[in-house]
């Protein structure tokens, strides 16, 4: 996305169109700071992906949230 202007333009058009119909647009798959920068100025409400939170294994999740 960061280096692909066609993909960025496509996302721009889709988010502009969607913003006419919905109030919240979430973009998934933001994995790098470059990807975040590429979409931050589009009609996007929130972003999510590994750039923000790395996935946890089930065991790591249990250890982090369910053990004292």
Protein backbone atom coordinates (compact mmCIF):
# COMPACT_ATOMS: atom_id res chain seq x y z
CA UNK A 1 0.00 0.00 0.00
CA UNK A 2 2.74 2.45 0.89
CA UNK A 3 4.54 1.98 -2.44
CA UNK A 4 1.52 1.06 -4.60
CA UNK A 5 -0.25 4.20 -5.79
CA UNK A 6 -2.98 2.17 -7.55
CA UNK A 7 -3.89 0.38 -4.33
CA UNK A 8 -3.84 3.65 -2.38
CA UNK A 9 -6.03 5.37 -4.99
CA UNK A 10 -8.46 2.46 -4.93
CA UNK A 11 -8.69 2.65 -1.14
CA UNK A 12 -9.15 6.42 -1.38
CA UNK A 13 -12.08 6.03 -3.77
CA UNK A 14 -13.66 3.26 -1.70
CA UNK A 15 -13.39 5.18 1.57
CA UNK A 16 -14.81 8.33 -0.04
CA UNK A 17 -17.77 6.37 -1.36
CA UNK A 18 -18.31 4.52 1.93
CA UNK A 19 -18.19 7.77 3.93
CA UNK A 20 -21.38 8.84 2.15
CA UNK A 21 -23.18 5.83 3.66
CA UNK A 22 -21.55 5.07 7.01
CA UNK A 23 -20.04 7.03 9.88
CA UNK A 24 -17.24 4.63 10.77
CA UNK A 25 -14.62 3.23 8.40
CA UNK A 26 -11.98 0.87 9.80
CA UNK A 27 -8.96 -0.19 7.77
CA UNK A 28 -7.43 -3.51 8.76
CA UNK A 29 -3.99 -4.81 7.93
CA UNK A 30 -1.88 -1.83 8.97
CA UNK A 31 1.43 -3.54 9.66
CA UNK A 32 4.05 -0.82 9.22
CA UNK A 33 4.44 2.90 9.90
CA UNK A 34 4.59 3.41 6.13
CA UNK A 35 1.19 1.78 5.69
CA UNK A 36 -0.26 3.96 8.44
CA UNK A 37 1.13 7.10 6.80
CA UNK A 38 -0.25 6.05 3.42
CA UNK A 39 -3.85 5.82 4.66
CA UNK A 40 -4.01 8.32 7.52
CA UNK A 41 -5.25 11.15 5.29
CA UNK A 42 -8.02 9.07 3.69
CA UNK A 43 -11.63 8.99 4.90
CA UNK A 44 -10.75 6.50 7.65
CA UNK A 45 -12.04 6.54 11.21
CA UNK A 46 -9.83 3.84 12.74
CA UNK A 47 -7.00 1.51 11.74
CA UNK A 48 -5.89 -1.82 13.09
CA UNK A 49 -3.17 -4.32 12.43
CA UNK A 50 0.12 -5.67 13.70
CA UNK A 51 1.60 -2.17 13.75
CA UNK A 52 -0.63 -1.44 16.75
CA UNK A 53 -0.90 -4.82 18.45
CA UNK A 54 1.00 -7.99 17.71
CA UNK A 55 -1.08 -11.18 17.80
CA UNK A 56 -0.79 -13.36 20.91
CA UNK A 57 -0.81 -17.12 21.10
CA UNK A 58 -3.57 -18.61 23.24
CA UNK A 59 -1.08 -19.50 25.97
CA UNK A 60 0.34 -15.95 25.99
CA UNK A 61 -3.19 -14.52 26.18
CA UNK A 62 -4.08 -16.72 29.16
CA UNK A 63 -0.82 -15.85 30.89
CA UNK A 64 -1.23 -12.11 30.27
CA UNK A 65 -4.89 -11.74 31.26
CA UNK A 66 -5.88 -14.70 33.40
CA UNK A 67 -2.99 -15.47 35.73
CA UNK A 68 -2.19 -13.57 38.84
